[in-house]
Amino acid sequence: MQAIDNVMHVRQIRQYYKDLEHMVRYELGMPDLWVEIQAERDKLIEEAKAITKLQQEAERQEQLKRQEKIR
């Protein structure tokens, strides 16, 4: 059931994204705005990945410190 919900949710998000692109590019007539939106989205995704990576490294370092104390 969870898998079905996840797939349906992803499909719905993709459709919303396509609808938004169509609206911005063609109905509003602002294709340059769509390019800016995509660039900002990409930037936010990269920032989130970098933050996740830093958090994982901090957790790993903390775990190493705990293990060292135990020894």
PDB file of N, CA and C in Angstrom:
ATOM      1  N   MET A   1       0.830  -1.189   0.000  1.00  0.00           N
ATOM      2  CA  MET A   1       0.000   0.000   0.000  1.00  0.00           C
ATOM      3  C   MET A   1       0.875   1.255   0.000  1.00  0.00           C
ATOM      4  N   GLN A   2       1.939   1.233   0.783  1.00  0.00           N
ATOM      5  CA  GLN A   2       2.850   2.382   0.845  1.00  0.00           C
ATOM      6  C   GLN A   2       3.503   2.635  -0.512  1.00  0.00           C
ATOM      7  N   ALA A   3       3.889   1.555  -1.202  1.00  0.00           N
ATOM      8  CA  ALA A   3       4.519   1.695  -2.517  1.00  0.00           C
ATOM      9  C   ALA A   3       3.556   2.355  -3.508  1.00  0.00           C
ATOM     10  N   ILE A   4       2.306   1.929  -3.484  1.00  0.00           N
ATOM     11  CA  ILE A   4       1.305   2.512  -4.379  1.00  0.00           C
ATOM     12  C   ILE A   4       1.129   3.995  -4.072  1.00  0.00           C
ATOM     13  N   ASP A   5       1.023   4.320  -2.800  1.00  0.00           N
ATOM     14  CA  ASP A   5       0.871   5.722  -2.400  1.00  0.00           C
ATOM     15  C   ASP A   5       2.071   6.556  -2.855  1.00  0.00           C
ATOM     16  N   ASN A   6       3.277   6.010  -2.683  1.00  0.00           N
ATOM     17  CA  ASN A   6       4.483   6.740  -3.081  1.00  0.00           C
ATOM     18  C   ASN A   6       4.509   6.997  -4.584  1.00  0.00           C
ATOM     19  N   VAL A   7       4.204   5.965  -5.363  1.00  0.00           N
ATOM     20  CA  VAL A   7       4.204   6.104  -6.821  1.00  0.00           C
ATOM     21  C   VAL A   7       3.159   7.123  -7.265  1.00  0.00           C
ATOM     22  N   MET A   8       1.988   7.050  -6.707  1.00  0.00           N
ATOM     23  CA  MET A   8       0.923   7.988  -7.072  1.00  0.00           C
ATOM     24  C   MET A   8       1.309   9.416  -6.686  1.00  0.00           C
ATOM     25  N   HIS A   9       1.937   9.564  -5.555  1.00  0.00           N
ATOM     26  CA  HIS A   9       2.367  10.885  -5.101  1.00  0.00           C
ATOM     27  C   HIS A   9       3.423  11.453  -6.055  1.00  0.00           C
ATOM     28  N   VAL A  10       4.386  10.645  -6.449  1.00  0.00           N
ATOM     29  CA  VAL A  10       5.429  11.093  -7.379  1.00  0.00           C
ATOM     30  C   VAL A  10       4.817  11.477  -8.723  1.00  0.00           C
ATOM     31  N   ARG A  11       3.891  10.680  -9.202  1.00  0.00           N
ATOM     32  CA  ARG A  11       3.226  11.005 -10.472  1.00  0.00           C
ATOM     33  C   ARG A  11       2.466  12.319 -10.384  1.00  0.00           C
ATOM     34  N   GLN A  12       1.808  12.527  -9.260  1.00  0.00           N
ATOM     35  CA  GLN A  12       1.047  13.757  -9.071  1.00  0.00           C
ATOM     36  C   GLN A  12       1.988  14.964  -9.045  1.00  0.00           C
ATOM     37  N   ILE A  13       3.108  14.848  -8.374  1.00  0.00           N
ATOM     38  CA  ILE A  13       4.077  15.938  -8.318  1.00  0.00           C
ATOM     39  C   ILE A  13       4.620  16.235  -9.713  1.00  0.00           C
ATOM     40  N   ARG A  14       4.942  15.193 -10.473  1.00  0.00           N
ATOM     41  CA  ARG A  14       5.429  15.393 -11.844  1.00  0.00           C
ATOM     42  C   ARG A  14       4.396  16.130 -12.696  1.00  0.00           C
ATOM     43  N   GLN A  15       3.135  15.767 -12.529  1.00  0.00           N
ATOM     44  CA  GLN A  15       2.083  16.427 -13.303  1.00  0.00           C
ATOM     45  C   GLN A  15       1.950  17.891 -12.892  1.00  0.00           C
ATOM     46  N   TYR A  16       2.016  18.169 -11.585  1.00  0.00           N
ATOM     47  CA  TYR A  16       1.957  19.554 -11.119  1.00  0.00           C
ATOM     48  C   TYR A  16       3.105  20.363 -11.722  1.00  0.00           C
ATOM     49  N   TYR A  17       4.277  19.748 -11.763  1.00  0.00           N
ATOM     50  CA  TYR A  17       5.472  20.403 -12.304  1.00  0.00           C
ATOM     51  C   TYR A  17       5.269  20.727 -13.785  1.00  0.00           C
ATOM     52  N   LYS A  18       4.742  19.770 -14.554  1.00  0.00           N
ATOM     53  CA  LYS A  18       4.474  19.992 -15.977  1.00  0.00           C
ATOM     54  C   LYS A  18       3.430  21.093 -16.168  1.00  0.00           C
ATOM     55  N   ASP A  19       2.390  21.059 -15.341  1.00  0.00           N
ATOM     56  CA  ASP A  19       1.337  22.078 -15.432  1.00  0.00           C
ATOM     57  C   ASP A  19       1.893  23.471 -15.124  1.00  0.00           C
ATOM     58  N   LEU A  20       2.745  23.551 -14.113  1.00  0.00           N
ATOM     59  CA  LEU A  20       3.348  24.827 -13.750  1.00  0.00           C
ATOM     60  C   LEU A  20       4.244  25.335 -14.885  1.00  0.00           C
ATOM     61  N   GLU A  21       5.035  24.428 -15.458  1.00  0.00           N
ATOM     62  CA  GLU A  21       5.889  24.826 -16.580  1.00  0.00           C
ATOM     63  C   GLU A  21       5.043  25.371 -17.735  1.00  0.00           C
ATOM     64  N   HIS A  22       3.980  24.674 -18.069  1.00  0.00           N
ATOM     65  CA  HIS A  22       3.114  25.117 -19.159  1.00  0.00           C
ATOM     66  C   HIS A  22       2.522  26.492 -18.856  1.00  0.00           C
ATOM     67  N   MET A  23       2.071  26.678 -17.640  1.00  0.00           N
ATOM     68  CA  MET A  23       1.468  27.946 -17.260  1.00  0.00           C
ATOM     69  C   MET A  23       2.480  29.092 -17.382  1.00  0.00           C
ATOM     70  N   VAL A  24       3.678  28.888 -16.831  1.00  0.00           N
ATOM     71  CA  VAL A  24       4.679  29.954 -16.836  1.00  0.00           C
ATOM     72  C   VAL A  24       5.168  30.242 -18.255  1.00  0.00           C
ATOM     73  N   ARG A  25       5.477  29.189 -18.995  1.00  0.00           N
ATOM     74  CA  ARG A  25       6.031  29.380 -20.342  1.00  0.00           C
ATOM     75  C   ARG A  25       5.007  29.929 -21.336  1.00  0.00           C
ATOM     76  N   TYR A  26       3.831  29.332 -21.371  1.00  0.00           N
ATOM     77  CA  TYR A  26       2.893  29.622 -22.451  1.00  0.00           C
ATOM     78  C   TYR A  26       1.740  30.532 -22.054  1.00  0.00           C
ATOM     79  N   GLU A  27       1.146  30.294 -20.900  1.00  0.00           N
ATOM     80  CA  GLU A  27       0.013  31.127 -20.509  1.00  0.00           C
ATOM     81  C   GLU A  27       0.476  32.501 -20.030  1.00  0.00           C
ATOM     82  N   LEU A  28       1.584  32.531 -19.271  1.00  0.00           N
ATOM     83  CA  LEU A  28       2.114  33.820 -18.833  1.00  0.00           C
ATOM     84  C   LEU A  28       3.087  34.399 -19.854  1.00  0.00           C
ATOM     85  N   GLY A  29       3.579  33.549 -20.753  1.00  0.00           N
ATOM     86  CA  GLY A  29       4.511  34.012 -21.776  1.00  0.00           C
ATOM     87  C   GLY A  29       5.855  34.442 -21.219  1.00  0.00           C
ATOM     88  N   MET A  30       6.331  33.693 -20.215  1.00  0.00           N
ATOM     89  CA  MET A  30       7.590  34.056 -19.562  1.00  0.00           C
ATOM     90  C   MET A  30       8.545  32.859 -19.505  1.00  0.00           C
ATOM     91  N   PRO A  31       9.043  32.407 -20.644  1.00  0.00           N
ATOM     92  CA  PRO A  31       9.940  31.249 -20.622  1.00  0.00           C
ATOM     93  C   PRO A  31      11.223  31.506 -19.840  1.00  0.00           C
ATOM     94  N   ASP A  32      11.681  32.769 -19.813  1.00  0.00           N
ATOM     95  CA  ASP A  32      12.886  33.089 -19.045  1.00  0.00           C
ATOM     96  C   ASP A  32      12.650  32.903 -17.550  1.00  0.00           C
ATOM     97  N   LEU A  33      11.434  33.161 -17.090  1.00  0.00           N
ATOM     98  CA  LEU A  33      11.103  32.934 -15.684  1.00  0.00           C
ATOM     99  C   LEU A  33      11.189  31.448 -15.358  1.00  0.00           C
ATOM    100  N   TRP A  34      10.742  30.609 -16.279  1.00  0.00           N
ATOM    101  CA  TRP A  34      10.807  29.168 -16.048  1.00  0.00           C
ATOM    102  C   TRP A  34      12.255  28.707 -15.906  1.00  0.00           C
ATOM    103  N   VAL A  35      13.139  29.266 -16.717  1.00  0.00           N
ATOM    104  CA  VAL A  35      14.565  28.928 -16.631  1.00  0.00           C
ATOM    105  C   VAL A  35      15.103  29.319 -15.253  1.00  0.00           C
ATOM    106  N   GLU A  36      14.709  30.483 -14.765  1.00  0.00           N
ATOM    107  CA  GLU A  36      15.141  30.934 -13.434  1.00  0.00           C
ATOM    108  C   GLU A  36      14.593  30.024 -12.339  1.00  0.00           C
ATOM    109  N   ILE A  37      13.346  29.615 -12.475  1.00  0.00           N
ATOM    110  CA  ILE A  37      12.741  28.716 -11.489  1.00  0.00           C
ATOM    111  C   ILE A  37      13.496  27.397 -11.455  1.00  0.00           C
ATOM    112  N   GLN A  38      13.822  26.852 -12.620  1.00  0.00           N
ATOM    113  CA  GLN A  38      14.571  25.595 -12.671  1.00  0.00           C
ATOM    114  C   GLN A  38      15.956  25.749 -12.057  1.00  0.00           C
ATOM    115  N   ALA A  39      16.623  26.861 -12.339  1.00  0.00           N
ATOM    116  CA  ALA A  39      17.952  27.099 -11.784  1.00  0.00           C
ATOM    117  C   ALA A  39      17.891  27.188 -10.258  1.00  0.00           C
ATOM    118  N   GLU A  40      16.895  27.866  -9.747  1.00  0.00           N
ATOM    119  CA  GLU A  40      16.738  27.988  -8.293  1.00  0.00           C
ATOM    120  C   GLU A  40      16.438  26.631  -7.669  1.00  0.00           C
ATOM    121  N   ARG A  41      15.595  25.854  -8.326  1.00  0.00           N
ATOM    122  CA  ARG A  41      15.268  24.506  -7.839  1.00  0.00           C
ATOM    123  C   ARG A  41      16.524  23.645  -7.774  1.00  0.00           C
ATOM    124  N   ASP A  42      17.317  23.693  -8.841  1.00  0.00           N
ATOM    125  CA  ASP A  42      18.560  22.923  -8.876  1.00  0.00           C
ATOM    126  C   ASP A  42      19.506  23.355  -7.760  1.00  0.00           C
ATOM    127  N   LYS A  43      19.580  24.666  -7.535  1.00  0.00           N
ATOM    128  CA  LYS A  43      20.437  25.197  -6.470  1.00  0.00           C
ATOM    129  C   LYS A  43      19.981  24.688  -5.103  1.00  0.00           C
ATOM    130  N   LEU A  44      18.681  24.726  -4.864  1.00  0.00           N
ATOM    131  CA  LEU A  44      18.145  24.257  -3.582  1.00  0.00           C
ATOM    132  C   LEU A  44      18.411  22.769  -3.374  1.00  0.00           C
ATOM    133  N   ILE A  45      18.291  21.987  -4.431  1.00  0.00           N
ATOM    134  CA  ILE A  45      18.558  20.553  -4.335  1.00  0.00           C
ATOM    135  C   ILE A  45      20.023  20.313  -3.986  1.00  0.00           C
ATOM    136  N   GLU A  46      20.926  21.026  -4.641  1.00  0.00           N
ATOM    137  CA  GLU A  46      22.360  20.869  -4.363  1.00  0.00           C
ATOM    138  C   GLU A  46      22.691  21.296  -2.935  1.00  0.00           C
ATOM    139  N   GLU A  47      22.078  22.382  -2.472  1.00  0.00           N
ATOM    140  CA  GLU A  47      22.300  22.835  -1.100  1.00  0.00           C
ATOM    141  C   GLU A  47      21.813  21.786  -0.101  1.00  0.00           C
ATOM    142  N   ALA A  48      20.656  21.201  -0.372  1.00  0.00           N
ATOM    143  CA  ALA A  48      20.118  20.175   0.522  1.00  0.00           C
ATOM    144  C   ALA A  48      21.034  18.957   0.555  1.00  0.00           C
ATOM    145  N   LYS A  49      21.581  18.574  -0.599  1.00  0.00           N
ATOM    146  CA  LYS A  49      22.516  17.451  -0.650  1.00  0.00           C
ATOM    147  C   LYS A  49      23.775  17.755   0.158  1.00  0.00           C
ATOM    148  N   ALA A  50      24.278  18.979   0.024  1.00  0.00           N
ATOM    149  CA  ALA A  50      25.479  19.372   0.758  1.00  0.00           C
ATOM    150  C   ALA A  50      25.225  19.361   2.262  1.00  0.00           C
ATOM    151  N   ILE A  51      24.081  19.844   2.678  1.00  0.00           N
ATOM    152  CA  ILE A  51      23.737  19.853   4.103  1.00  0.00           C
ATOM    153  C   ILE A  51      23.623  18.431   4.628  1.00  0.00           C
ATOM    154  N   THR A  52      22.978  17.569   3.875  1.00  0.00           N
ATOM    155  CA  THR A  52      22.845  16.166   4.281  1.00  0.00           C
ATOM    156  C   THR A  52      24.208  15.517   4.417  1.00  0.00           C
ATOM    157  N   LYS A  53      25.081  15.788   3.471  1.00  0.00           N
ATOM    158  CA  LYS A  53      26.428  15.222   3.514  1.00  0.00           C
ATOM    159  C   LYS A  53      27.189  15.714   4.747  1.00  0.00           C
ATOM    160  N   LEU A  54      27.073  17.002   5.059  1.00  0.00           N
ATOM    161  CA  LEU A  54      27.729  17.551   6.241  1.00  0.00           C
ATOM    162  C   LEU A  54      27.159  16.945   7.524  1.00  0.00           C
ATOM    163  N   GLN A  55      25.848  16.748   7.572  1.00  0.00           N
ATOM    164  CA  GLN A  55      25.230  16.153   8.749  1.00  0.00           C
ATOM    165  C   GLN A  55      25.690  14.714   8.935  1.00  0.00           C
ATOM    166  N   GLN A  56      25.774  13.980   7.838  1.00  0.00           N
ATOM    167  CA  GLN A  56      26.233  12.591   7.924  1.00  0.00           C
ATOM    168  C   GLN A  56      27.675  12.524   8.398  1.00  0.00           C
ATOM    169  N   GLU A  57      28.506  13.430   7.910  1.00  0.00           N
ATOM    170  CA  GLU A  57      29.913  13.450   8.336  1.00  0.00           C
ATOM    171  C   GLU A  57      30.019  13.813   9.813  1.00  0.00           C
ATOM    172  N   ALA A  58      29.211  14.761  10.262  1.00  0.00           N
ATOM    173  CA  ALA A  58      29.222  15.139  11.679  1.00  0.00           C
ATOM    174  C   ALA A  58      28.774  13.966  12.545  1.00  0.00           C
ATOM    175  N   GLU A  59      27.759  13.244  12.107  1.00  0.00           N
ATOM    176  CA  GLU A  59      27.296  12.072  12.852  1.00  0.00           C
ATOM    177  C   GLU A  59      28.376  10.995  12.899  1.00  0.00           C
ATOM    178  N   ARG A  60      29.059  10.811  11.779  1.00  0.00           N
ATOM    179  CA  ARG A  60      30.133   9.819  11.723  1.00  0.00           C
ATOM    180  C   ARG A  60      31.262  10.199  12.676  1.00  0.00           C
ATOM    181  N   GLN A  61      31.617  11.466  12.689  1.00  0.00           N
ATOM    182  CA  GLN A  61      32.669  11.927  13.596  1.00  0.00           C
ATOM    183  C   GLN A  61      32.260  11.741  15.060  1.00  0.00           C
ATOM    184  N   GLU A  62      31.008  12.041  15.350  1.00  0.00           N
ATOM    185  CA  GLU A  62      30.498  11.875  16.720  1.00  0.00           C
ATOM    186  C   GLU A  62      30.526  10.407  17.122  1.00  0.00           C
ATOM    187  N   GLN A  63      30.156   9.543  16.218  1.00  0.00           N
ATOM    188  CA  GLN A  63      30.181   8.108  16.503  1.00  0.00           C
ATOM    189  C   GLN A  63      31.615   7.629  16.738  1.00  0.00           C
ATOM    190  N   LEU A  64      32.551   8.122  15.963  1.00  0.00           N
ATOM    191  CA  LEU A  64      33.955   7.755  16.164  1.00  0.00           C
ATOM    192  C   LEU A  64      34.454   8.224  17.526  1.00  0.00           C
ATOM    193  N   LYS A  65      34.050   9.407  17.943  1.00  0.00           N
ATOM    194  CA  LYS A  65      34.426   9.916  19.269  1.00  0.00           C
ATOM    195  C   LYS A  65      33.864   9.031  20.380  1.00  0.00           C
ATOM    196  N   ARG A  66      32.588   8.613  20.212  1.00  0.00           N
ATOM    197  CA  ARG A  66      31.983   7.739  21.223  1.00  0.00           C
ATOM    198  C   ARG A  66      32.698   6.411  21.298  1.00  0.00           C
ATOM    199  N   GLN A  67      33.038   5.858  20.136  1.00  0.00           N
ATOM    200  CA  GLN A  67      33.745   4.590  20.109  1.00  0.00           C
ATOM    201  C   GLN A  67      35.126   4.717  20.745  1.00  0.00           C
ATOM    202  N   GLU A  68      35.775   5.818  20.525  1.00  0.00           N
ATOM    203  CA  GLU A  68      37.105   6.048  21.108  1.00  0.00           C
ATOM    204  C   GLU A  68      37.010   6.151  22.637  1.00  0.00           C
ATOM    205  N   LYS A  69      35.956   6.779  23.153  1.00  0.00           N
ATOM    206  CA  LYS A  69      35.772   6.900  24.592  1.00  0.00           C
ATOM    207  C   LYS A  69      35.549   5.512  25.215  1.00  0.00           C
ATOM    208  N   ILE A  70      34.811   4.675  24.504  1.00  0.00           N
ATOM    209  CA  ILE A  70      34.527   3.335  25.011  1.00  0.00           C
ATOM    210  C   ILE A  70      35.817   2.527  25.123  1.00  0.00           C
ATOM    211  N   ARG A  71      36.691   2.686  24.160  1.00  0.00           N
ATOM    212  CA  ARG A  71      37.969   1.964  24.175  1.00  0.00           C
ATOM    213  C   ARG A  71      38.821   2.452  25.299  1.00  0.00           C
TER     214      ARG A  71
END
